[in-house]
Amino acid sequence: MAKAYWVAAYRSVSKPEALEAYARLSAAAITAAGGRILGRGMPADVLEAGLRQRTVVIEFDSVEQAKAAYASPAYQEALAALANGAERDIRIIEGV
């Protein structure tokens, strides 16, 4: 079974305090669901047509585990804390 990755790109953050609350809650929820945060923050460099956006990469053992983590009550609580404090794009991709 291939690993899976959440890749989140933040288009904008309008409420940094909401992002801080979300980060605390989501880290615990993701870890409890078997996720491993591999990297997060602003890009060290941006190449080609890349955008300078906060990016987060989280590894899971499978796509099913990644989807279950997103749907979990603990992660949904983190999302409620973020509310409309950020606009982002989250994708789940399979590893190779």
N, C-alpha and C. Protein backbone atom coordinates (compact mmCIF):
# COMPACT_ATOMS: atom_id res chain seq x y z
N MET A 1 0.85 -1.18 0.00
CA MET A 1 0.00 0.00 0.00
C MET A 1 0.89 1.24 0.00
N ALA A 2 0.59 2.18 -0.88
CA ALA A 2 1.38 3.41 -1.00
C ALA A 2 1.05 4.38 0.13
N LYS A 3 2.06 5.08 0.56
CA LYS A 3 1.83 6.15 1.53
C LYS A 3 1.02 7.24 0.86
N ALA A 4 0.48 8.13 1.67
CA ALA A 4 -0.29 9.25 1.15
C ALA A 4 0.18 10.51 1.85
N TYR A 5 -0.02 11.64 1.19
CA TYR A 5 0.45 12.93 1.71
C TYR A 5 -0.66 13.97 1.60
N TRP A 6 -0.83 14.73 2.68
CA TRP A 6 -1.63 15.96 2.61
C TRP A 6 -0.66 17.03 2.18
N VAL A 7 -1.02 17.80 1.22
CA VAL A 7 -0.24 18.97 0.83
C VAL A 7 -1.19 20.16 0.93
N ALA A 8 -0.87 21.07 1.83
CA ALA A 8 -1.72 22.25 2.05
C ALA A 8 -0.95 23.50 1.67
N ALA A 9 -1.55 24.33 0.83
CA ALA A 9 -0.96 25.61 0.45
C ALA A 9 -1.91 26.71 0.92
N TYR A 10 -1.38 27.63 1.68
CA TYR A 10 -2.18 28.72 2.23
C TYR A 10 -2.14 29.91 1.28
N ARG A 11 -3.27 30.24 0.70
CA ARG A 11 -3.34 31.39 -0.20
C ARG A 11 -3.25 32.69 0.59
N SER A 12 -3.89 32.69 1.77
CA SER A 12 -3.84 33.88 2.63
C SER A 12 -4.18 33.48 4.06
N VAL A 13 -3.67 34.27 5.00
CA VAL A 13 -3.99 34.11 6.41
C VAL A 13 -4.50 35.46 6.88
N SER A 14 -5.78 35.53 7.24
CA SER A 14 -6.37 36.80 7.67
C SER A 14 -6.45 36.92 9.19
N LYS A 15 -6.35 35.80 9.88
CA LYS A 15 -6.44 35.80 11.34
C LYS A 15 -5.33 34.92 11.92
N PRO A 16 -4.14 35.50 12.15
CA PRO A 16 -3.03 34.69 12.67
C PRO A 16 -3.35 33.99 13.98
N GLU A 17 -4.17 34.61 14.83
CA GLU A 17 -4.50 33.98 16.11
C GLU A 17 -5.35 32.72 15.89
N ALA A 18 -6.20 32.72 14.89
CA ALA A 18 -6.99 31.53 14.57
C ALA A 18 -6.07 30.44 14.01
N LEU A 19 -5.08 30.82 13.22
CA LEU A 19 -4.13 29.85 12.69
C LEU A 19 -3.33 29.22 13.82
N GLU A 20 -2.95 29.99 14.82
CA GLU A 20 -2.21 29.44 15.97
C GLU A 20 -3.06 28.42 16.72
N ALA A 21 -4.34 28.74 16.96
CA ALA A 21 -5.23 27.80 17.64
C ALA A 21 -5.41 26.54 16.81
N TYR A 22 -5.60 26.71 15.51
CA TYR A 22 -5.74 25.57 14.60
C TYR A 22 -4.48 24.70 14.64
N ALA A 23 -3.31 25.32 14.59
CA ALA A 23 -2.05 24.57 14.56
C ALA A 23 -1.91 23.69 15.80
N ARG A 24 -2.24 24.23 16.96
CA ARG A 24 -2.16 23.44 18.20
C ARG A 24 -3.10 22.24 18.14
N LEU A 25 -4.35 22.50 17.80
CA LEU A 25 -5.34 21.42 17.78
C LEU A 25 -5.08 20.42 16.65
N SER A 26 -4.73 20.92 15.48
CA SER A 26 -4.55 20.02 14.33
C SER A 26 -3.34 19.12 14.49
N ALA A 27 -2.26 19.62 15.07
CA ALA A 27 -1.06 18.79 15.26
C ALA A 27 -1.40 17.57 16.11
N ALA A 28 -2.14 17.79 17.20
CA ALA A 28 -2.53 16.67 18.06
C ALA A 28 -3.47 15.72 17.33
N ALA A 29 -4.44 16.26 16.59
CA ALA A 29 -5.40 15.43 15.86
C ALA A 29 -4.71 14.61 14.78
N ILE A 30 -3.81 15.22 14.06
CA ILE A 30 -3.11 14.54 12.96
C ILE A 30 -2.21 13.44 13.51
N THR A 31 -1.48 13.74 14.56
CA THR A 31 -0.60 12.73 15.18
C THR A 31 -1.42 11.56 15.71
N ALA A 32 -2.54 11.85 16.37
CA ALA A 32 -3.40 10.80 16.90
C ALA A 32 -3.96 9.91 15.79
N ALA A 33 -4.13 10.48 14.60
CA ALA A 33 -4.66 9.73 13.46
C ALA A 33 -3.56 9.02 12.66
N GLY A 34 -2.33 9.08 13.15
CA GLY A 34 -1.22 8.38 12.49
C GLY A 34 -0.44 9.22 11.50
N GLY A 35 -0.72 10.51 11.42
CA GLY A 35 -0.01 11.39 10.49
C GLY A 35 1.32 11.86 11.06
N ARG A 36 2.23 12.18 10.16
CA ARG A 36 3.55 12.71 10.54
C ARG A 36 3.79 13.99 9.75
N ILE A 37 3.95 15.09 10.46
CA ILE A 37 4.18 16.38 9.81
C ILE A 37 5.63 16.39 9.33
N LEU A 38 5.82 16.44 8.02
CA LEU A 38 7.16 16.39 7.44
C LEU A 38 7.77 17.78 7.24
N GLY A 39 6.93 18.76 6.98
CA GLY A 39 7.44 20.11 6.77
C GLY A 39 6.30 21.10 6.82
N ARG A 40 6.60 22.31 7.30
CA ARG A 40 5.59 23.36 7.30
C ARG A 40 6.28 24.70 7.40
N GLY A 41 5.68 25.69 6.76
CA GLY A 41 6.23 27.04 6.81
C GLY A 41 6.30 27.66 5.43
N MET A 42 7.00 28.77 5.37
CA MET A 42 7.19 29.46 4.09
C MET A 42 8.27 28.73 3.30
N PRO A 43 8.18 28.74 1.97
CA PRO A 43 9.17 28.05 1.14
C PRO A 43 10.56 28.65 1.32
N ALA A 44 11.56 27.80 1.31
CA ALA A 44 12.95 28.26 1.35
C ALA A 44 13.30 28.95 0.03
N ASP A 45 12.67 28.51 -1.04
CA ASP A 45 12.88 29.11 -2.36
C ASP A 45 11.65 28.80 -3.20
N VAL A 46 11.38 29.62 -4.19
CA VAL A 46 10.26 29.42 -5.10
C VAL A 46 10.81 29.43 -6.51
N LEU A 47 10.52 28.37 -7.27
CA LEU A 47 11.07 28.22 -8.61
C LEU A 47 9.95 28.16 -9.64
N GLU A 48 10.30 28.40 -10.86
CA GLU A 48 9.38 28.39 -11.99
C GLU A 48 8.17 29.27 -11.70
N ALA A 49 6.95 28.75 -11.78
CA ALA A 49 5.76 29.57 -11.55
C ALA A 49 5.23 29.43 -10.13
N GLY A 50 6.09 29.01 -9.21
CA GLY A 50 5.68 28.79 -7.83
C GLY A 50 5.23 30.06 -7.12
N LEU A 51 4.44 29.88 -6.08
CA LEU A 51 3.95 30.99 -5.29
C LEU A 51 4.57 30.94 -3.90
N ARG A 52 4.87 32.08 -3.35
CA ARG A 52 5.42 32.15 -2.00
C ARG A 52 4.26 32.07 -1.02
N GLN A 53 3.92 30.81 -0.64
CA GLN A 53 2.79 30.54 0.26
C GLN A 53 3.24 29.59 1.35
N ARG A 54 2.67 29.78 2.53
CA ARG A 54 2.88 28.80 3.60
C ARG A 54 2.43 27.45 3.06
N THR A 55 3.24 26.42 3.26
CA THR A 55 2.93 25.08 2.76
C THR A 55 3.17 24.07 3.88
N VAL A 56 2.32 23.05 3.93
CA VAL A 56 2.44 21.99 4.93
C VAL A 56 2.37 20.65 4.19
N VAL A 57 3.27 19.72 4.57
CA VAL A 57 3.26 18.37 4.01
C VAL A 57 3.17 17.39 5.17
N ILE A 58 2.17 16.50 5.11
CA ILE A 58 1.94 15.52 6.17
C ILE A 58 1.86 14.14 5.54
N GLU A 59 2.57 13.19 6.11
CA GLU A 59 2.60 11.82 5.59
C GLU A 59 1.65 10.92 6.39
N PHE A 60 0.94 10.07 5.66
CA PHE A 60 0.09 9.04 6.26
C PHE A 60 0.45 7.71 5.62
N ASP A 61 0.04 6.62 6.25
CA ASP A 61 0.36 5.30 5.71
C ASP A 61 -0.49 4.92 4.51
N SER A 62 -1.63 5.61 4.31
CA SER A 62 -2.50 5.29 3.17
C SER A 62 -3.44 6.46 2.90
N VAL A 63 -4.05 6.45 1.72
CA VAL A 63 -5.05 7.46 1.38
C VAL A 63 -6.23 7.36 2.35
N GLU A 64 -6.63 6.14 2.67
CA GLU A 64 -7.76 5.95 3.58
C GLU A 64 -7.47 6.57 4.94
N GLN A 65 -6.25 6.39 5.44
CA GLN A 65 -5.87 6.97 6.73
C GLN A 65 -5.87 8.50 6.65
N ALA A 66 -5.41 9.05 5.55
CA ALA A 66 -5.40 10.51 5.38
C ALA A 66 -6.82 11.06 5.35
N LYS A 67 -7.71 10.38 4.63
CA LYS A 67 -9.11 10.82 4.58
C LYS A 67 -9.78 10.70 5.94
N ALA A 68 -9.51 9.61 6.64
CA ALA A 68 -10.10 9.41 7.97
C ALA A 68 -9.60 10.47 8.95
N ALA A 69 -8.34 10.86 8.84
CA ALA A 69 -7.80 11.89 9.72
C ALA A 69 -8.53 13.20 9.49
N TYR A 70 -8.76 13.55 8.23
CA TYR A 70 -9.46 14.80 7.92
C TYR A 70 -10.89 14.78 8.47
N ALA A 71 -11.54 13.65 8.38
CA ALA A 71 -12.93 13.52 8.83
C ALA A 71 -13.07 13.33 10.34
N SER A 72 -11.97 13.10 11.04
CA SER A 72 -12.04 12.80 12.47
C SER A 72 -12.62 13.96 13.27
N PRO A 73 -13.33 13.66 14.36
CA PRO A 73 -13.87 14.72 15.21
C PRO A 73 -12.79 15.68 15.73
N ALA A 74 -11.62 15.16 16.07
CA ALA A 74 -10.55 16.02 16.58
C ALA A 74 -10.08 17.01 15.52
N TYR A 75 -9.93 16.55 14.27
CA TYR A 75 -9.50 17.46 13.22
C TYR A 75 -10.61 18.45 12.87
N GLN A 76 -11.85 18.01 12.90
CA GLN A 76 -12.96 18.92 12.63
C GLN A 76 -13.03 20.02 13.69
N GLU A 77 -12.66 19.70 14.93
CA GLU A 77 -12.57 20.72 15.98
C GLU A 77 -11.49 21.75 15.64
N ALA A 78 -10.36 21.28 15.11
CA ALA A 78 -9.29 22.19 14.68
C ALA A 78 -9.77 23.09 13.56
N LEU A 79 -10.50 22.53 12.60
CA LEU A 79 -11.04 23.33 11.50
C LEU A 79 -12.00 24.40 12.01
N ALA A 80 -12.79 24.05 13.00
CA ALA A 80 -13.72 25.03 13.58
C ALA A 80 -12.96 26.18 14.21
N ALA A 81 -11.81 25.88 14.83
CA ALA A 81 -10.99 26.94 15.45
C ALA A 81 -10.40 27.85 14.38
N LEU A 82 -10.06 27.29 13.22
CA LEU A 82 -9.52 28.10 12.13
C LEU A 82 -10.61 28.96 11.50
N ALA A 83 -11.82 28.39 11.40
CA ALA A 83 -12.98 29.08 10.83
C ALA A 83 -12.60 29.72 9.50
N ASN A 84 -12.78 31.02 9.38
CA ASN A 84 -12.43 31.72 8.13
C ASN A 84 -11.13 32.51 8.30
N GLY A 85 -10.23 32.00 9.13
CA GLY A 85 -8.98 32.70 9.38
C GLY A 85 -7.92 32.50 8.32
N ALA A 86 -8.16 31.59 7.37
CA ALA A 86 -7.19 31.34 6.30
C ALA A 86 -7.91 30.77 5.09
N GLU A 87 -7.37 31.07 3.92
CA GLU A 87 -7.84 30.45 2.69
C GLU A 87 -6.74 29.53 2.22
N ARG A 88 -7.08 28.28 1.98
CA ARG A 88 -6.04 27.31 1.62
C ARG A 88 -6.56 26.25 0.69
N ASP A 89 -5.63 25.53 0.13
CA ASP A 89 -5.90 24.43 -0.80
C ASP A 89 -5.26 23.21 -0.17
N ILE A 90 -6.06 22.17 0.10
CA ILE A 90 -5.52 20.94 0.66
C ILE A 90 -5.77 19.80 -0.32
N ARG A 91 -4.73 19.06 -0.60
CA ARG A 91 -4.84 17.90 -1.50
C ARG A 91 -4.28 16.68 -0.81
N ILE A 92 -4.86 15.54 -1.12
CA ILE A 92 -4.31 14.26 -0.66
C ILE A 92 -3.79 13.58 -1.91
N ILE A 93 -2.50 13.24 -1.88
CA ILE A 93 -1.89 12.55 -3.03
C ILE A 93 -1.27 11.25 -2.58
N GLU A 94 -1.22 10.28 -3.49
CA GLU A 94 -0.58 9.00 -3.21
C GLU A 94 0.92 9.11 -3.44
N GLY A 95 1.67 8.43 -2.58
CA GLY A 95 3.11 8.33 -2.78
C GLY A 95 3.41 7.35 -3.90
N VAL A 96 4.65 7.38 -4.37
CA VAL A 96 5.05 6.46 -5.45
C VAL A 96 5.93 5.35 -4.91
